[in-house]
C-alpha atoms as a PDB file:
ATOM      1  CA  UNK A   1      10.441-132.975  67.435  1.00  0.00           C
ATOM      2  CA  UNK A   2       7.440-132.545  69.767  1.00  0.00           C
ATOM      3  CA  UNK A   3       4.382-131.147  67.666  1.00  0.00           C
ATOM      4  CA  UNK A   4       3.958-128.147  69.863  1.00  0.00           C
ATOM      5  CA  UNK A   5       7.563-126.696  68.935  1.00  0.00           C
ATOM      6  CA  UNK A   6       7.468-124.039  66.183  1.00  0.00           C
ATOM      7  CA  UNK A   7      10.489-123.635  63.951  1.00  0.00           C
ATOM      8  CA  UNK A   8      11.692-120.331  64.578  1.00  0.00           C
ATOM      9  CA  UNK A   9      15.095-120.174  62.407  1.00  0.00           C
ATOM     10  CA  UNK A  10      17.317-122.135  60.222  1.00  0.00           C
ATOM     11  CA  UNK A  11      21.046-122.008  61.256  1.00  0.00           C
ATOM     12  CA  UNK A  12      24.293-123.296  59.678  1.00  0.00           C
ATOM     13  CA  UNK A  13      24.238-126.414  61.853  1.00  0.00           C
ATOM     14  CA  UNK A  14      20.437-127.077  62.259  1.00  0.00           C
ATOM     15  CA  UNK A  15      17.120-125.601  63.259  1.00  0.00           C
ATOM     16  CA  UNK A  16      15.989-123.342  66.022  1.00  0.00           C
ATOM     17  CA  UNK A  17      12.694-123.874  67.702  1.00  0.00           C
ATOM     18  CA  UNK A  18      10.479-122.227  70.176  1.00  0.00           C
ATOM     19  CA  UNK A  19       7.406-123.176  72.084  1.00  0.00           C
ATOM     20  CA  UNK A  20       4.253-120.987  72.535  1.00  0.00           C
ATOM     21  CA  UNK A  21       4.958-120.661  76.279  1.00  0.00           C
ATOM     22  CA  UNK A  22       8.566-119.547  75.583  1.00  0.00           C
ATOM     23  CA  UNK A  23       7.227-117.058  72.981  1.00  0.00           C
ATOM     24  CA  UNK A  24       4.730-115.501  75.612  1.00  0.00           C
ATOM     25  CA  UNK A  25       7.447-115.341  78.222  1.00  0.00           C
ATOM     26  CA  UNK A  26       9.857-113.550  75.741  1.00  0.00           C
ATOM     27  CA  UNK A  27       7.055-111.099  74.723  1.00  0.00           C
ATOM     28  CA  UNK A  28       6.290-110.309  78.458  1.00  0.00           C
ATOM     29  CA  UNK A  29      10.042-109.828  79.105  1.00  0.00           C
ATOM     30  CA  UNK A  30      10.544-107.469  76.183  1.00  0.00           C
ATOM     31  CA  UNK A  31       7.477-105.383  77.199  1.00  0.00           C
ATOM     32  CA  UNK A  32       8.963-105.299  80.794  1.00  0.00           C
ATOM     33  CA  UNK A  33      12.138-104.008  79.593  1.00  0.00           C
ATOM     34  CA  UNK A  34      10.346-101.459  77.543  1.00  0.00           C
ATOM     35  CA  UNK A  35       8.212-100.365  80.514  1.00  0.00           C
ATOM     36  CA  UNK A  36      11.312-100.238  82.813  1.00  0.00           C
ATOM     37  CA  UNK A  37      13.077 -98.056  80.318  1.00  0.00           C
ATOM     38  CA  UNK A  38      10.084 -95.733  79.861  1.00  0.00           C
ATOM     39  CA  UNK A  39       9.557 -95.488  83.759  1.00  0.00           C
ATOM     40  CA  UNK A  40      13.474 -94.716  83.982  1.00  0.00           C
ATOM     41  CA  UNK A  41      13.223 -92.035  81.517  1.00  0.00           C
ATOM     42  CA  UNK A  42      10.258 -90.300  83.271  1.00  0.00           C
ATOM     43  CA  UNK A  43      12.002 -90.525  86.723  1.00  0.00           C
ATOM     44  CA  UNK A  44      15.234 -89.322  85.292  1.00  0.00           C
ATOM     45  CA  UNK A  45      13.368 -86.267  83.825  1.00  0.00           C
ATOM     46  CA  UNK A  46      11.473 -85.512  87.159  1.00  0.00           C
ATOM     47  CA  UNK A  47      14.790 -85.709  88.895  1.00  0.00           C
ATOM     48  CA  UNK A  48      16.353 -83.174  86.320  1.00  0.00           C
ATOM     49  CA  UNK A  49      13.358 -80.871  86.947  1.00  0.00           C
ATOM     50  CA  UNK A  50      13.691 -80.912  90.718  1.00  0.00           C
ATOM     51  CA  UNK A  51      17.499 -80.269  90.411  1.00  0.00           C
ATOM     52  CA  UNK A  52      16.647 -77.249  88.119  1.00  0.00           C
ATOM     53  CA  UNK A  53      14.248 -75.973  90.627  1.00  0.00           C
ATOM     54  CA  UNK A  54      17.040 -76.126  93.298  1.00  0.00           C
ATOM     55  CA  UNK A  55      19.963 -74.768  91.184  1.00  0.00           C
ATOM     56  CA  UNK A  56      20.462 -71.575  93.047  1.00  0.00           C
ATOM     57  CA  UNK A  57      20.425 -73.400  96.456  1.00  0.00           C
ATOM     58  CA  UNK A  58      22.879 -76.047  95.143  1.00  0.00           C
ATOM     59  CA  UNK A  59      25.321 -73.362  93.611  1.00  0.00           C
ATOM     60  CA  UNK A  60      25.411 -71.634  97.000  1.00  0.00           C
ATOM     61  CA  UNK A  61      26.178 -74.808  98.809  1.00  0.00           C
ATOM     62  CA  UNK A  62      28.926 -75.512  96.192  1.00  0.00           C
ATOM     63  CA  UNK A  63      30.304 -71.956  96.661  1.00  0.00           C
ATOM     64  CA  UNK A  64      30.223 -72.415 100.573  1.00  0.00           C
ATOM     65  CA  UNK A  65      31.889 -75.787 100.111  1.00  0.00           C
ATOM     66  CA  UNK A  66      34.512 -74.237  97.904  1.00  0.00           C
ATOM     67  CA  UNK A  67      35.360 -71.484 100.395  1.00  0.00           C
ATOM     68  CA  UNK A  68      35.588 -74.047 103.240  1.00  0.00           C
ATOM     69  CA  UNK A  69      38.168 -75.865 101.224  1.00  0.00           C
ATOM     70  CA  UNK A  70      40.174 -72.992 100.703  1.00  0.00           C
ATOM     71  CA  UNK A  71      40.188 -72.171 104.327  1.00  0.00           C
ATOM     72  CA  UNK A  72      40.981 -75.879 105.340  1.00  0.00           C
ATOM     73  CA  UNK A  73      43.757 -75.941 102.830  1.00  0.00           C
ATOM     74  CA  UNK A  74      45.342 -72.664 104.210  1.00  0.00           C
ATOM     75  CA  UNK A  75      45.018 -73.816 107.842  1.00  0.00           C
ATOM     76  CA  UNK A  76      46.662 -77.157 106.937  1.00  0.00           C
ATOM     77  CA  UNK A  77      49.617 -75.396 105.282  1.00  0.00           C
ATOM     78  CA  UNK A  78      49.816 -72.893 108.163  1.00  0.00           C
ATOM     79  CA  UNK A  79      49.834 -75.775 110.778  1.00  0.00           C
ATOM     80  CA  UNK A  80      52.500 -77.743 108.763  1.00  0.00           C
ATOM     81  CA  UNK A  81      54.700 -74.860 108.290  1.00  0.00           C
ATOM     82  CA  UNK A  82      54.306 -73.232 111.870  1.00  0.00           C
ATOM     83  CA  UNK A  83      52.870 -70.081 110.440  1.00  0.00           C
ATOM     84  CA  UNK A  84      51.464 -67.516 113.007  1.00  0.00           C
ATOM     85  CA  UNK A  85      49.002 -64.910 112.640  1.00  0.00           C
ATOM     86  CA  UNK A  86      50.664 -61.256 112.872  1.00  0.00           C
ATOM     87  CA  UNK A  87      49.770 -58.839 115.349  1.00  0.00           C
ATOM     88  CA  UNK A  88      48.538 -55.727 113.903  1.00  0.00           C
ATOM     89  CA  UNK A  89      47.814 -52.494 115.843  1.00  0.00           C
ATOM     90  CA  UNK A  90      47.581 -48.869 115.223  1.00  0.00           C
ATOM     91  CA  UNK A  91      51.068 -47.823 115.809  1.00  0.00           C
ATOM     92  CA  UNK A  92      53.282 -46.742 112.820  1.00  0.00           C
ATOM     93  CA  UNK A  93      56.165 -49.194 113.844  1.00  0.00           C
ATOM     94  CA  UNK A  94      56.747 -52.404 111.866  1.00  0.00           C
ATOM     95  CA  UNK A  95      58.440 -55.041 113.784  1.00  0.00           C
ATOM     96  CA  UNK A  96      59.112 -58.418 112.124  1.00  0.00           C
ATOM     97  CA  UNK A  97      60.798 -61.064 114.552  1.00  0.00           C
ATOM     98  CA  UNK A  98      61.980 -64.459 112.934  1.00  0.00           C
ATOM     99  CA  UNK A  99      60.374 -63.309 109.719  1.00  0.00           C
ATOM    100  CA  UNK A 100      59.994 -65.907 106.841  1.00  0.00           C
ATOM    101  CA  UNK A 101      58.867 -65.707 103.280  1.00  0.00           C
ATOM    102  CA  UNK A 102      56.747 -68.608 102.114  1.00  0.00           C
ATOM    103  CA  UNK A 103      58.031 -68.352  98.475  1.00  0.00           C
ATOM    104  CA  UNK A 104      61.716 -68.068  99.452  1.00  0.00           C
ATOM    105  CA  UNK A 105      61.214 -70.968 101.893  1.00  0.00           C
ATOM    106  CA  UNK A 106      59.741 -73.113  99.143  1.00  0.00           C
ATOM    107  CA  UNK A 107      62.675 -72.210  96.693  1.00  0.00           C
ATOM    108  CA  UNK A 108      65.225 -73.029  99.356  1.00  0.00           C
ATOM    109  CA  UNK A 109      63.525 -76.364 100.054  1.00  0.00           C
ATOM    110  CA  UNK A 110      63.652 -77.238  96.333  1.00  0.00           C
ATOM    111  CA  UNK A 111      67.297 -76.261  96.139  1.00  0.00           C
ATOM    112  CA  UNK A 112      68.138 -78.321  99.287  1.00  0.00           C
ATOM    113  CA  UNK A 113      66.347 -81.455  97.752  1.00  0.00           C
ATOM    114  CA  UNK A 114      68.381 -80.995  94.475  1.00  0.00           C
ATOM    115  CA  UNK A 115      65.055 -80.125  92.579  1.00  0.00           C
ATOM    116  CA  UNK A 116      66.313 -76.970  90.911  1.00  0.00           C
END
């Protein structure tokens, strides 16, 4: 065994050795990992603080996106089922031509598909 090797550990099948250079490299690596973890923690905390500052804006954006999602979903259903917008006026006459009820249509579709 070279003289500059230092015994590190006795194992069941032999000995483990380390060199001074390897020990320095290991110490540097461990220190770098610890510094990286500390920096990551600092950056994560800064990100959290920035997000908290903008919470109201982010919630408003989320609300607007949710409303858009509802409108898009309703528009897709209307397109797929060929729904039309009713004409509403000030008269007292209610005239329904080719009227359909969405729930009853859905129930009929289930019955016709045998999904009672």
